[in-house]
Amino acid sequence: EVITQRLVTRAYLLDTAERHGLYAGQPERTPDAIADDMQDRLTLALPAVNDPAPIATIAFNDDDPTVAAEIVNDLVTRILQENTALRRHGRTLSASLLDAMQ
């Protein structure tokens, strides 16, 4: 859930849209309109941490399937990075707690 929340933030959606040039030909679009449109086009359902059958659904709707695939690949990369960071932080936190208990 933490990862999902991070991926649908306004800042991340705007950054993704800019990196992929999704609204380059639409300078009249406001950042709020871009973020709303990005969120409407995105489907993101990640499994719970202890889900025995973890299945993720990640999709982005675009008229150009290549663009949609690039956005999804970007999201998958970010999910893996966030997951690694959370696991690393969890190990660090656990080690700190164990040290404090000794």
N, C-alpha and C. Protein backbone atom coordinates (compact mmCIF):
# COMPACT_ATOMS: atom_id res chain seq x y z
N GLU A 1 0.83 -1.19 0.00
CA GLU A 1 0.00 0.00 0.00
C GLU A 1 0.87 1.26 0.00
N VAL A 2 1.97 1.22 0.72
CA VAL A 2 2.88 2.36 0.75
C VAL A 2 3.41 2.65 -0.64
N ILE A 3 3.78 1.61 -1.36
CA ILE A 3 4.32 1.79 -2.71
C ILE A 3 3.24 2.38 -3.62
N THR A 4 2.03 1.85 -3.53
CA THR A 4 0.94 2.36 -4.36
C THR A 4 0.72 3.84 -4.08
N GLN A 5 0.71 4.22 -2.82
CA GLN A 5 0.50 5.62 -2.46
C GLN A 5 1.60 6.51 -3.05
N ARG A 6 2.82 6.03 -3.05
CA ARG A 6 3.92 6.83 -3.59
C ARG A 6 3.82 6.99 -5.10
N LEU A 7 3.32 5.96 -5.77
CA LEU A 7 3.26 6.00 -7.24
C LEU A 7 2.12 6.84 -7.78
N VAL A 8 1.14 7.15 -6.97
CA VAL A 8 0.02 7.95 -7.45
C VAL A 8 0.06 9.38 -6.91
N THR A 9 1.19 9.77 -6.36
CA THR A 9 1.31 11.15 -5.91
C THR A 9 1.34 12.07 -7.13
N ARG A 10 0.88 13.27 -6.93
CA ARG A 10 0.86 14.27 -7.99
C ARG A 10 2.26 14.46 -8.57
N ALA A 11 3.26 14.57 -7.69
CA ALA A 11 4.64 14.80 -8.14
C ALA A 11 5.14 13.66 -9.02
N TYR A 12 4.87 12.42 -8.62
CA TYR A 12 5.35 11.29 -9.42
C TYR A 12 4.64 11.22 -10.76
N LEU A 13 3.33 11.46 -10.76
CA LEU A 13 2.57 11.42 -12.00
C LEU A 13 3.04 12.51 -12.96
N LEU A 14 3.27 13.71 -12.44
CA LEU A 14 3.76 14.81 -13.30
C LEU A 14 5.15 14.51 -13.83
N ASP A 15 6.02 13.96 -13.00
CA ASP A 15 7.37 13.60 -13.42
C ASP A 15 7.32 12.55 -14.53
N THR A 16 6.48 11.55 -14.36
CA THR A 16 6.35 10.49 -15.36
C THR A 16 5.83 11.06 -16.68
N ALA A 17 4.81 11.91 -16.59
CA ALA A 17 4.25 12.52 -17.80
C ALA A 17 5.30 13.35 -18.53
N GLU A 18 6.09 14.10 -17.77
CA GLU A 18 7.12 14.95 -18.39
C GLU A 18 8.23 14.11 -19.01
N ARG A 19 8.70 13.09 -18.29
CA ARG A 19 9.80 12.25 -18.80
C ARG A 19 9.42 11.55 -20.10
N HIS A 20 8.14 11.25 -20.25
CA HIS A 20 7.68 10.54 -21.44
C HIS A 20 7.05 11.48 -22.48
N GLY A 21 7.03 12.77 -22.18
CA GLY A 21 6.50 13.75 -23.12
C GLY A 21 5.04 13.56 -23.46
N LEU A 22 4.26 13.06 -22.52
CA LEU A 22 2.87 12.72 -22.81
C LEU A 22 1.99 13.92 -23.16
N TYR A 23 2.29 15.07 -22.61
CA TYR A 23 1.44 16.24 -22.84
C TYR A 23 2.24 17.38 -23.47
N ALA A 24 3.31 17.05 -24.15
CA ALA A 24 4.20 18.05 -24.75
C ALA A 24 3.46 18.96 -25.73
N GLY A 25 2.53 18.44 -26.45
CA GLY A 25 1.79 19.23 -27.44
C GLY A 25 0.56 19.91 -26.86
N GLN A 26 0.44 19.91 -25.53
CA GLN A 26 -0.73 20.50 -24.88
C GLN A 26 -0.30 21.46 -23.77
N PRO A 27 0.35 22.56 -24.14
CA PRO A 27 0.86 23.47 -23.11
C PRO A 27 -0.23 24.13 -22.27
N GLU A 28 -1.46 24.11 -22.76
CA GLU A 28 -2.56 24.72 -22.00
C GLU A 28 -3.03 23.85 -20.83
N ARG A 29 -2.62 22.60 -20.79
CA ARG A 29 -3.02 21.70 -19.69
C ARG A 29 -2.32 22.11 -18.41
N THR A 30 -3.10 22.23 -17.36
CA THR A 30 -2.52 22.58 -16.06
C THR A 30 -1.92 21.34 -15.41
N PRO A 31 -0.99 21.52 -14.49
CA PRO A 31 -0.44 20.37 -13.77
C PRO A 31 -1.53 19.53 -13.09
N ASP A 32 -2.54 20.18 -12.53
CA ASP A 32 -3.63 19.43 -11.89
C ASP A 32 -4.38 18.58 -12.91
N ALA A 33 -4.63 19.14 -14.09
CA ALA A 33 -5.34 18.39 -15.14
C ALA A 33 -4.49 17.21 -15.62
N ILE A 34 -3.19 17.42 -15.74
CA ILE A 34 -2.30 16.33 -16.15
C ILE A 34 -2.29 15.22 -15.11
N ALA A 35 -2.13 15.58 -13.84
CA ALA A 35 -2.11 14.57 -12.78
C ALA A 35 -3.43 13.81 -12.73
N ASP A 36 -4.55 14.51 -12.86
CA ASP A 36 -5.86 13.85 -12.86
C ASP A 36 -6.00 12.88 -14.03
N ASP A 37 -5.57 13.33 -15.23
CA ASP A 37 -5.65 12.47 -16.41
C ASP A 37 -4.75 11.25 -16.27
N MET A 38 -3.54 11.46 -15.76
CA MET A 38 -2.63 10.33 -15.54
C MET A 38 -3.26 9.32 -14.59
N GLN A 39 -3.85 9.81 -13.52
CA GLN A 39 -4.45 8.92 -12.53
C GLN A 39 -5.63 8.15 -13.14
N ASP A 40 -6.41 8.83 -13.98
CA ASP A 40 -7.55 8.17 -14.64
C ASP A 40 -7.09 7.07 -15.60
N ARG A 41 -5.93 7.24 -16.20
CA ARG A 41 -5.42 6.28 -17.18
C ARG A 41 -4.63 5.13 -16.57
N LEU A 42 -4.37 5.22 -15.28
CA LEU A 42 -3.52 4.26 -14.58
C LEU A 42 -4.35 3.26 -13.78
N THR A 43 -4.01 1.99 -13.91
CA THR A 43 -4.58 0.94 -13.07
C THR A 43 -3.42 0.32 -12.32
N LEU A 44 -3.51 0.38 -11.00
CA LEU A 44 -2.41 -0.12 -10.17
C LEU A 44 -3.00 -0.84 -8.96
N ALA A 45 -2.82 -2.15 -8.92
CA ALA A 45 -3.28 -2.96 -7.80
C ALA A 45 -2.15 -3.90 -7.41
N LEU A 46 -1.53 -3.61 -6.28
CA LEU A 46 -0.43 -4.44 -5.81
C LEU A 46 -0.90 -5.33 -4.67
N PRO A 47 -0.34 -6.54 -4.56
CA PRO A 47 -0.77 -7.47 -3.52
C PRO A 47 -0.32 -7.00 -2.13
N ALA A 48 -1.03 -7.49 -1.13
CA ALA A 48 -0.63 -7.23 0.25
C ALA A 48 0.70 -7.92 0.53
N VAL A 49 1.41 -7.45 1.52
CA VAL A 49 2.74 -7.97 1.84
C VAL A 49 2.73 -9.47 2.06
N ASN A 50 1.78 -9.98 2.80
CA ASN A 50 1.74 -11.42 3.13
C ASN A 50 0.74 -12.20 2.29
N ASP A 51 0.39 -11.70 1.14
CA ASP A 51 -0.57 -12.36 0.27
C ASP A 51 0.02 -13.70 -0.20
N PRO A 52 -0.68 -14.82 0.03
CA PRO A 52 -0.14 -16.13 -0.37
C PRO A 52 -0.09 -16.32 -1.89
N ALA A 53 -0.91 -15.56 -2.62
CA ALA A 53 -0.90 -15.64 -4.09
C ALA A 53 -0.76 -14.22 -4.64
N PRO A 54 0.46 -13.66 -4.55
CA PRO A 54 0.63 -12.26 -4.94
C PRO A 54 0.50 -12.04 -6.45
N ILE A 55 -0.48 -11.25 -6.81
CA ILE A 55 -0.69 -10.90 -8.21
C ILE A 55 -0.82 -9.38 -8.28
N ALA A 56 -0.04 -8.78 -9.15
CA ALA A 56 -0.09 -7.34 -9.34
C ALA A 56 -0.76 -7.03 -10.67
N THR A 57 -1.52 -5.96 -10.68
CA THR A 57 -2.12 -5.47 -11.91
C THR A 57 -1.59 -4.07 -12.14
N ILE A 58 -0.92 -3.88 -13.26
CA ILE A 58 -0.34 -2.58 -13.59
C ILE A 58 -0.67 -2.32 -15.06
N ALA A 59 -1.41 -1.23 -15.30
CA ALA A 59 -1.79 -0.91 -16.67
C ALA A 59 -1.84 0.60 -16.84
N PHE A 60 -1.56 1.04 -18.07
CA PHE A 60 -1.69 2.45 -18.42
C PHE A 60 -2.34 2.51 -19.79
N ASN A 61 -3.39 3.29 -19.91
CA ASN A 61 -4.13 3.40 -21.17
C ASN A 61 -3.57 4.54 -22.01
N ASP A 62 -3.21 4.20 -23.25
CA ASP A 62 -2.75 5.20 -24.20
C ASP A 62 -3.09 4.69 -25.60
N ASP A 63 -3.34 5.61 -26.51
CA ASP A 63 -3.64 5.21 -27.89
C ASP A 63 -2.47 4.49 -28.54
N ASP A 64 -1.27 4.81 -28.10
CA ASP A 64 -0.06 4.20 -28.64
C ASP A 64 0.40 3.09 -27.68
N PRO A 65 0.31 1.83 -28.09
CA PRO A 65 0.70 0.74 -27.20
C PRO A 65 2.16 0.80 -26.75
N THR A 66 3.02 1.39 -27.57
CA THR A 66 4.43 1.53 -27.19
C THR A 66 4.57 2.48 -26.00
N VAL A 67 3.84 3.57 -26.04
CA VAL A 67 3.87 4.53 -24.94
C VAL A 67 3.30 3.88 -23.68
N ALA A 68 2.20 3.17 -23.82
CA ALA A 68 1.60 2.48 -22.67
C ALA A 68 2.60 1.51 -22.06
N ALA A 69 3.30 0.75 -22.89
CA ALA A 69 4.30 -0.21 -22.40
C ALA A 69 5.46 0.51 -21.70
N GLU A 70 5.89 1.64 -22.25
CA GLU A 70 6.98 2.39 -21.62
C GLU A 70 6.58 2.88 -20.23
N ILE A 71 5.35 3.36 -20.10
CA ILE A 71 4.87 3.84 -18.80
C ILE A 71 4.79 2.69 -17.81
N VAL A 72 4.25 1.55 -18.25
CA VAL A 72 4.15 0.39 -17.36
C VAL A 72 5.54 -0.09 -16.96
N ASN A 73 6.47 -0.15 -17.89
CA ASN A 73 7.84 -0.56 -17.55
C ASN A 73 8.45 0.41 -16.55
N ASP A 74 8.20 1.69 -16.72
CA ASP A 74 8.68 2.70 -15.78
C ASP A 74 8.09 2.43 -14.38
N LEU A 75 6.80 2.15 -14.33
CA LEU A 75 6.15 1.87 -13.05
C LEU A 75 6.71 0.60 -12.39
N VAL A 76 6.91 -0.44 -13.16
CA VAL A 76 7.46 -1.68 -12.62
C VAL A 76 8.85 -1.44 -12.05
N THR A 77 9.68 -0.69 -12.77
CA THR A 77 11.01 -0.36 -12.27
C THR A 77 10.92 0.39 -10.95
N ARG A 78 10.02 1.35 -10.89
CA ARG A 78 9.86 2.15 -9.67
C ARG A 78 9.34 1.28 -8.52
N ILE A 79 8.41 0.37 -8.80
CA ILE A 79 7.88 -0.53 -7.77
C ILE A 79 9.01 -1.39 -7.20
N LEU A 80 9.85 -1.93 -8.07
CA LEU A 80 10.96 -2.75 -7.61
C LEU A 80 11.95 -1.94 -6.78
N GLN A 81 12.21 -0.71 -7.19
CA GLN A 81 13.11 0.16 -6.42
C GLN A 81 12.52 0.48 -5.05
N GLU A 82 11.23 0.81 -5.03
CA GLU A 82 10.56 1.14 -3.76
C GLU A 82 10.54 -0.08 -2.84
N ASN A 83 10.27 -1.25 -3.41
CA ASN A 83 10.21 -2.48 -2.64
C ASN A 83 11.57 -2.77 -2.00
N THR A 84 12.62 -2.63 -2.79
CA THR A 84 13.98 -2.84 -2.28
C THR A 84 14.30 -1.87 -1.16
N ALA A 85 13.96 -0.60 -1.36
CA ALA A 85 14.22 0.42 -0.33
C ALA A 85 13.45 0.13 0.95
N LEU A 86 12.19 -0.29 0.82
CA LEU A 86 11.39 -0.60 2.01
C LEU A 86 11.95 -1.81 2.75
N ARG A 87 12.36 -2.82 2.01
CA ARG A 87 12.94 -4.02 2.65
C ARG A 87 14.25 -3.66 3.35
N ARG A 88 15.08 -2.86 2.70
CA ARG A 88 16.34 -2.45 3.29
C ARG A 88 16.09 -1.65 4.56
N HIS A 89 15.14 -0.74 4.50
CA HIS A 89 14.79 0.07 5.67
C HIS A 89 14.24 -0.81 6.79
N GLY A 90 13.44 -1.82 6.42
CA GLY A 90 12.90 -2.74 7.42
C GLY A 90 13.98 -3.52 8.12
N ARG A 91 14.99 -3.97 7.37
CA ARG A 91 16.12 -4.70 7.98
C ARG A 91 16.91 -3.77 8.90
N THR A 92 17.10 -2.54 8.48
CA THR A 92 17.83 -1.58 9.29
C THR A 92 17.08 -1.29 10.58
N LEU A 93 15.77 -1.12 10.45
CA LEU A 93 14.93 -0.86 11.62
C LEU A 93 14.95 -2.06 12.56
N SER A 94 14.83 -3.26 12.01
CA SER A 94 14.86 -4.47 12.84
C SER A 94 16.19 -4.60 13.57
N ALA A 95 17.28 -4.35 12.87
CA ALA A 95 18.60 -4.43 13.49
C ALA A 95 18.74 -3.39 14.60
N SER A 96 18.22 -2.20 14.38
CA SER A 96 18.27 -1.16 15.40
C SER A 96 17.48 -1.55 16.63
N LEU A 97 16.33 -2.16 16.42
CA LEU A 97 15.50 -2.60 17.53
C LEU A 97 16.21 -3.71 18.33
N LEU A 98 16.82 -4.63 17.63
CA LEU A 98 17.54 -5.71 18.30
C LEU A 98 18.72 -5.17 19.10
N ASP A 99 19.44 -4.22 18.51
CA ASP A 99 20.56 -3.61 19.22
C ASP A 99 20.07 -2.89 20.47
N ALA A 100 18.95 -2.23 20.37
CA ALA A 100 18.40 -1.49 21.52
C ALA A 100 17.95 -2.43 22.64
N MET A 101 17.54 -3.64 22.26
CA MET A 101 17.04 -4.59 23.24
C MET A 101 18.17 -5.28 23.99
N GLN A 102 19.38 -5.25 23.44
CA GLN A 102 20.51 -5.97 24.04
C GLN A 102 21.19 -5.14 25.10
